[in-house]
Protein backbone atom coordinates (compact mmCIF):
# COMPACT_ATOMS: atom_id res chain seq x y z
CA MET A 1 -131.06 -62.10 -63.47
CA ALA A 2 -132.66 -65.37 -62.71
CA VAL A 3 -136.33 -65.94 -61.98
CA MET A 4 -137.67 -67.44 -58.89
CA VAL A 5 -141.14 -69.12 -58.53
CA GLY A 6 -142.79 -69.33 -55.14
CA GLY A 7 -139.41 -68.56 -53.63
CA LYS A 8 -137.76 -71.40 -55.26
CA LYS A 9 -134.93 -71.52 -57.69
CA VAL A 10 -135.96 -72.29 -61.20
CA CYS A 11 -134.64 -75.02 -63.57
CA TYR A 12 -135.49 -75.12 -67.31
CA ALA A 13 -135.51 -78.77 -68.51
CA ILE A 14 -135.81 -80.39 -71.80
CA ASP A 15 -136.05 -84.18 -72.38
CA ASP A 16 -138.00 -86.12 -75.08
CA ASP A 17 -138.55 -89.10 -72.65
CA PRO A 18 -141.90 -88.74 -70.83
CA ILE A 19 -140.71 -90.85 -68.04
CA PHE A 20 -137.92 -88.47 -67.14
CA GLN A 21 -140.21 -85.50 -67.72
CA VAL A 22 -142.41 -86.81 -64.96
CA ALA A 23 -139.23 -87.63 -62.78
CA PHE A 24 -137.95 -84.16 -63.05
CA GLU A 25 -141.30 -82.50 -62.20
CA ALA A 26 -141.59 -84.80 -59.17
CA ALA A 27 -137.94 -84.74 -57.90
CA LEU A 28 -136.92 -81.15 -58.38
CA PRO A 29 -139.43 -79.50 -56.25
CA LYS A 30 -138.54 -81.70 -53.29
CA LEU A 31 -134.93 -80.51 -53.74
CA GLY A 32 -136.09 -76.86 -53.60
CA VAL A 33 -135.99 -76.29 -57.27
CA GLN A 34 -138.92 -75.44 -59.50
CA CYS A 35 -138.99 -77.37 -62.73
CA LYS A 36 -140.26 -75.86 -65.95
CA LEU A 37 -140.31 -78.40 -68.84
CA PHE A 38 -140.14 -77.41 -72.48
CA GLN A 39 -141.38 -79.47 -75.47
CA SER A 40 -139.02 -77.84 -78.01
CA PRO A 41 -135.89 -75.94 -78.17
CA GLU A 42 -137.68 -72.84 -79.60
CA ASP A 43 -139.93 -72.83 -76.41
CA LEU A 44 -136.83 -72.91 -74.40
CA TYR A 45 -135.04 -70.12 -76.14
CA GLU A 46 -138.12 -67.95 -76.04
CA ALA A 47 -138.50 -68.41 -72.28
CA THR A 48 -134.90 -67.81 -71.60
CA ARG A 49 -134.99 -64.47 -73.59
CA LYS A 50 -137.70 -63.32 -71.21
CA GLN A 51 -135.98 -64.64 -68.07
CA SER A 52 -132.93 -66.74 -67.55
CA PRO A 53 -133.33 -69.75 -65.07
CA ASP A 54 -130.84 -70.60 -62.25
CA LEU A 55 -129.94 -73.82 -64.07
CA PHE A 56 -130.54 -75.87 -67.30
CA LEU A 57 -131.09 -79.48 -67.34
CA ILE A 58 -130.45 -80.66 -71.11
CA ASP A 59 -130.81 -84.12 -72.54
CA LEU A 60 -128.19 -84.82 -75.08
CA ASN A 61 -130.38 -87.06 -77.37
CA LEU A 62 -133.57 -85.40 -77.92
CA GLY A 63 -134.87 -87.56 -80.71
CA GLU A 64 -137.06 -85.70 -83.18
CA MET A 65 -136.40 -82.39 -81.14
CA GLY A 66 -132.72 -82.33 -82.26
CA SER A 67 -129.47 -82.34 -80.46
CA GLY A 68 -128.79 -81.14 -76.85
CA LEU A 69 -125.23 -79.92 -78.23
CA ASP A 70 -127.07 -77.56 -80.52
CA ILE A 71 -128.97 -76.13 -77.58
CA ILE A 72 -125.78 -75.64 -75.52
CA MET A 73 -124.06 -73.78 -78.38
CA THR A 74 -127.11 -71.56 -79.06
CA LEU A 75 -127.37 -70.68 -75.28
CA ARG A 76 -123.60 -70.01 -74.86
CA ASN A 77 -122.61 -68.58 -78.20
CA GLN A 78 -125.69 -66.81 -79.73
CA MET A 79 -127.60 -65.92 -76.45
CA SER A 80 -124.61 -65.39 -74.19
CA ILE A 81 -126.34 -67.08 -71.31
CA SER A 82 -124.00 -67.87 -68.31
CA ALA A 83 -126.44 -69.95 -66.18
CA PRO A 84 -125.02 -73.35 -65.33
CA ILE A 85 -126.00 -76.22 -67.66
CA LEU A 86 -126.28 -79.80 -66.64
CA VAL A 87 -126.46 -82.31 -69.38
CA VAL A 88 -128.28 -85.64 -69.00
CA SER A 89 -126.81 -88.79 -70.80
CA GLY A 90 -127.42 -92.52 -70.68
CA ASP A 91 -123.50 -92.89 -70.99
CA GLY A 92 -121.32 -90.90 -68.74
CA HIS A 93 -118.18 -91.68 -70.71
CA SER A 94 -119.57 -90.97 -74.13
CA LYS A 95 -117.84 -88.77 -76.68
CA THR A 96 -121.00 -86.58 -76.72
CA VAL A 97 -120.62 -85.68 -72.95
CA ALA A 98 -116.98 -84.72 -73.57
CA GLU A 99 -118.11 -82.57 -76.56
CA ALA A 100 -120.93 -80.96 -74.40
CA LEU A 101 -118.54 -80.01 -71.71
CA SER A 102 -116.18 -78.51 -74.17
CA LEU A 103 -119.01 -76.40 -75.68
CA GLY A 104 -119.95 -74.95 -72.27
CA ALA A 105 -121.88 -77.39 -70.25
CA ASN A 106 -120.77 -77.26 -66.58
CA ASP A 107 -121.38 -80.88 -65.50
CA TYR A 108 -123.44 -84.01 -66.52
CA VAL A 109 -125.82 -86.49 -64.76
CA VAL A 110 -126.17 -90.08 -66.02
CA LYS A 111 -129.52 -91.88 -66.43
CA PRO A 112 -131.06 -93.55 -64.72
CA LEU A 113 -131.41 -90.67 -62.08
CA ASP A 114 -131.34 -91.16 -58.34
CA ARG A 115 -132.04 -88.54 -55.70
CA ARG A 116 -128.51 -88.45 -54.16
CA SER A 117 -126.67 -88.13 -57.52
CA LEU A 118 -128.97 -85.42 -58.80
CA GLY A 119 -128.92 -83.66 -55.41
CA THR A 120 -125.17 -83.69 -55.27
CA LYS A 121 -124.84 -82.11 -58.71
CA LEU A 122 -127.54 -79.48 -58.15
CA ALA A 123 -125.81 -78.44 -54.73
CA LEU A 124 -122.65 -77.45 -56.80
CA PHE A 125 -124.77 -74.69 -58.60
CA ILE A 126 -127.78 -73.84 -56.46
CA LYS A 127 -127.90 -72.84 -52.80
CA VAL A 128 -131.19 -73.75 -51.26
CA PRO A 129 -131.84 -75.37 -47.63
CA GLU A 130 -133.28 -78.52 -49.36
CA LEU A 131 -129.80 -79.16 -50.89
CA ASN A 132 -127.73 -78.57 -47.70
CA GLU A 133 -127.49 -82.34 -47.01
CA PHE A 134 -125.81 -82.86 -50.50
CA ALA A 135 -123.52 -79.84 -50.30
CA ALA A 136 -119.83 -80.34 -49.52
CA SER A 137 -118.46 -78.71 -46.34
CA TYR A 138 -115.64 -76.20 -47.19
CA THR A 139 -113.22 -74.10 -45.08
CA LYS A 140 -112.22 -70.73 -46.54
CA VAL A 141 -108.36 -70.73 -47.05
CA PRO A 142 -106.37 -67.49 -46.62
CA ILE A 143 -105.34 -66.00 -49.88
CA GLU A 144 -101.57 -66.17 -48.75
CA LYS A 145 -102.05 -70.04 -48.63
CA SER A 146 -104.34 -70.56 -51.65
CA GLU A 147 -101.65 -71.10 -54.35
CA VAL A 148 -101.46 -74.79 -55.50
CA LYS A 149 -99.96 -76.89 -58.29
CA VAL A 150 -102.21 -79.71 -59.82
CA LEU A 151 -100.24 -82.49 -61.56
CA ILE A 152 -102.02 -84.45 -64.32
CA ASN A 153 -100.30 -87.61 -65.77
CA CYS A 154 -100.72 -88.16 -69.42
CA GLU A 155 -98.59 -89.06 -72.43
CA ILE A 156 -97.48 -87.06 -75.44
CA LEU A 157 -98.52 -88.85 -78.61
CA GLU A 158 -97.36 -86.44 -81.32
CA VAL A 159 -95.35 -83.19 -81.50
CA ASP A 160 -95.54 -80.62 -84.31
CA GLU A 161 -94.45 -77.11 -84.91
CA LEU A 162 -97.46 -75.59 -83.05
CA GLY A 163 -98.01 -77.91 -80.14
CA VAL A 164 -98.52 -81.40 -78.71
CA GLN A 165 -101.17 -83.96 -78.75
CA LEU A 166 -101.70 -85.48 -75.20
CA VAL A 167 -103.75 -88.59 -74.02
CA GLY A 168 -104.73 -89.36 -70.54
CA ARG A 169 -107.61 -90.40 -68.16
CA HIS A 170 -108.55 -86.62 -67.71
CA LEU A 171 -110.69 -84.42 -69.94
CA LEU A 172 -108.66 -81.26 -70.63
CA PRO A 173 -111.21 -78.63 -71.61
CA ARG A 174 -110.64 -76.23 -74.49
CA GLY A 175 -109.09 -72.92 -73.29
CA MET A 176 -107.36 -74.61 -70.37
CA ILE A 177 -103.79 -73.12 -69.95
CA PHE A 178 -101.06 -75.09 -67.96
CA LYS A 179 -97.35 -75.97 -68.06
CA VAL A 180 -96.11 -79.20 -69.45
CA ALA A 181 -92.76 -80.94 -68.48
CA GLY A 182 -91.37 -84.29 -69.54
CA ALA A 183 -88.61 -86.16 -71.18
CA VAL A 184 -89.58 -85.15 -74.70
CA LEU A 185 -89.41 -81.44 -73.84
CA ASP A 186 -86.01 -82.10 -72.12
CA GLU A 187 -84.81 -83.64 -75.41
CA ILE A 188 -85.98 -80.67 -77.47
CA ALA A 189 -84.76 -77.82 -75.38
CA GLY A 190 -82.61 -79.10 -72.57
CA PRO A 191 -83.08 -80.57 -68.98
CA GLY A 192 -85.74 -79.00 -66.83
CA THR A 193 -87.70 -77.49 -69.76
CA THR A 194 -91.44 -76.60 -68.81
CA LYS A 195 -93.67 -75.04 -71.57
CA THR A 196 -96.96 -73.30 -71.43
CA VAL A 197 -99.74 -75.04 -73.42
CA SER A 198 -103.18 -73.89 -74.34
CA ILE A 199 -105.83 -76.66 -75.16
CA ILE A 200 -107.64 -75.96 -78.38
CA SER A 201 -109.41 -79.29 -79.08
CA ASN A 202 -110.14 -82.60 -77.25
CA GLU A 203 -112.13 -85.77 -78.04
CA VAL A 204 -112.53 -89.34 -76.54
CA ALA A 205 -109.84 -91.79 -77.35
CA GLU A 206 -110.59 -94.88 -79.49
CA ASN A 207 -110.57 -97.04 -76.30
CA GLY A 208 -113.53 -95.15 -74.91
CA ARG A 209 -111.81 -94.55 -71.57
CA ASP A 210 -109.07 -91.96 -72.12
CA TYR A 211 -109.29 -88.41 -73.63
CA VAL A 212 -107.12 -86.93 -76.43
CA ALA A 213 -106.40 -83.22 -76.47
CA TYR A 214 -104.23 -80.92 -78.58
CA GLY A 215 -102.45 -78.04 -76.97
CA GLU A 216 -100.71 -75.09 -78.61
CA PHE A 217 -97.29 -73.80 -77.45
CA ASP A 218 -96.77 -70.22 -76.43
CA THR A 219 -95.83 -68.59 -79.80
CA ASP A 220 -93.83 -65.79 -78.11
CA ASP A 221 -91.10 -68.16 -76.85
CA HIS A 222 -89.01 -67.88 -80.12
CA GLU A 223 -86.06 -69.69 -78.57
CA PHE A 224 -88.09 -72.80 -77.77
CA LEU A 225 -89.83 -72.67 -81.20
CA ARG A 226 -86.46 -72.48 -83.02
CA ALA A 227 -85.25 -75.56 -80.81
CA LEU A 228 -88.44 -77.44 -81.65
CA ARG A 229 -88.11 -76.98 -85.35
CA GLN A 230 -84.48 -78.19 -85.22
CA TRP A 231 -85.52 -81.33 -83.28
CA LEU A 232 -88.34 -82.07 -85.73
CA MET A 233 -85.84 -81.81 -88.56
CA GLY A 234 -83.58 -84.29 -86.76
CA ILE A 235 -80.74 -81.78 -86.15
CA PRO A 236 -79.03 -82.58 -82.78
CA ARG A 237 -79.47 -79.79 -80.16
CA ALA A 238 -75.75 -79.57 -79.36
CA VAL A 239 -74.67 -78.97 -82.89
CA ALA A 240 -77.66 -77.10 -84.27
CA PRO A 241 -76.56 -74.33 -86.82
CA PRO A 242 -77.53 -70.67 -86.50
CA PRO A 243 -81.20 -69.65 -86.86
CA ASP A 244 -80.59 -68.20 -90.39
CA ALA A 245 -78.98 -71.24 -91.48
CA VAL A 246 -81.88 -73.58 -90.93
CA ALA A 247 -84.11 -73.94 -93.97
CA ALA A 248 -87.89 -74.08 -93.49
CA PRO A 249 -89.28 -77.29 -94.76
CA SER A 250 -92.16 -77.16 -97.32
CA ALA A 251 -94.65 -78.57 -94.80
CA ALA A 252 -94.67 -78.44 -91.04
CA PRO A 253 -93.05 -81.50 -89.65
CA SER A 254 -94.19 -83.66 -86.90
CA LYS A 255 -93.06 -86.50 -84.79
CA THR A 256 -94.82 -89.42 -83.16
CA VAL A 257 -93.42 -89.73 -79.67
CA PRO A 258 -92.81 -93.31 -77.96
CA PRO A 259 -95.01 -93.66 -74.88
CA THR A 260 -92.68 -92.06 -72.29
CA GLY A 261 -95.28 -89.76 -70.78
CA THR A 262 -95.39 -86.17 -69.64
CA THR A 263 -96.87 -84.14 -66.62
CA PRO A 264 -98.84 -81.14 -67.30
CA LYS A 265 -98.81 -78.66 -64.34
CA LYS A 266 -101.70 -76.46 -64.05
């Protein structure tokens, strides 16, 4: 259960920059959030064990104090803390931000901070009157109308026996499960093929703008996996031999795919 100080929601913050420490202490109370600053990860952990806050603000580059990524991993994996984590970064498109999100951070704010951007981020996770001006207005949708399909355009870079490597403008978080359709899958298993993929890794692409993710196929779909292996071995789908006649290669094959694209469907 989160702690409240003087009726306010509480944020635990850690940043090695004295300027931003002062900024947090000045700005957060005006937004209805009590800020408690920590000078070391150990002090943060000790306070969290006693009482979890409503939100964490964690700088990713803590200098001599260490890495914000390590703090996120400790809070999520070792301490099983579920409170929202906002990471603070000087570069909103950095590989470190992507890694922080994949480790369990909920969102990020970019330095230098301003009242509106910080208030908008806080309003996503904390409900207090001071943040009402930043909160988006929502209308509740009846459950019978709630189903929706989200299309994400990206490209397949490579296919192997276990899954696909995708690249696109969207960060696909680890654990995300969705359906993939595209020309490559049609070639592998026939027109209209749609396969379930689970993301297991991601990173920022070399161009610094896109994201690369690797997703595993559903291993229960034996028919598709058989067709995939035949495709990787260069055996035409229409004349593929029976399963027991296909010899397993010594190493798992893979194919680099020309940039024809694919569309994951959430």
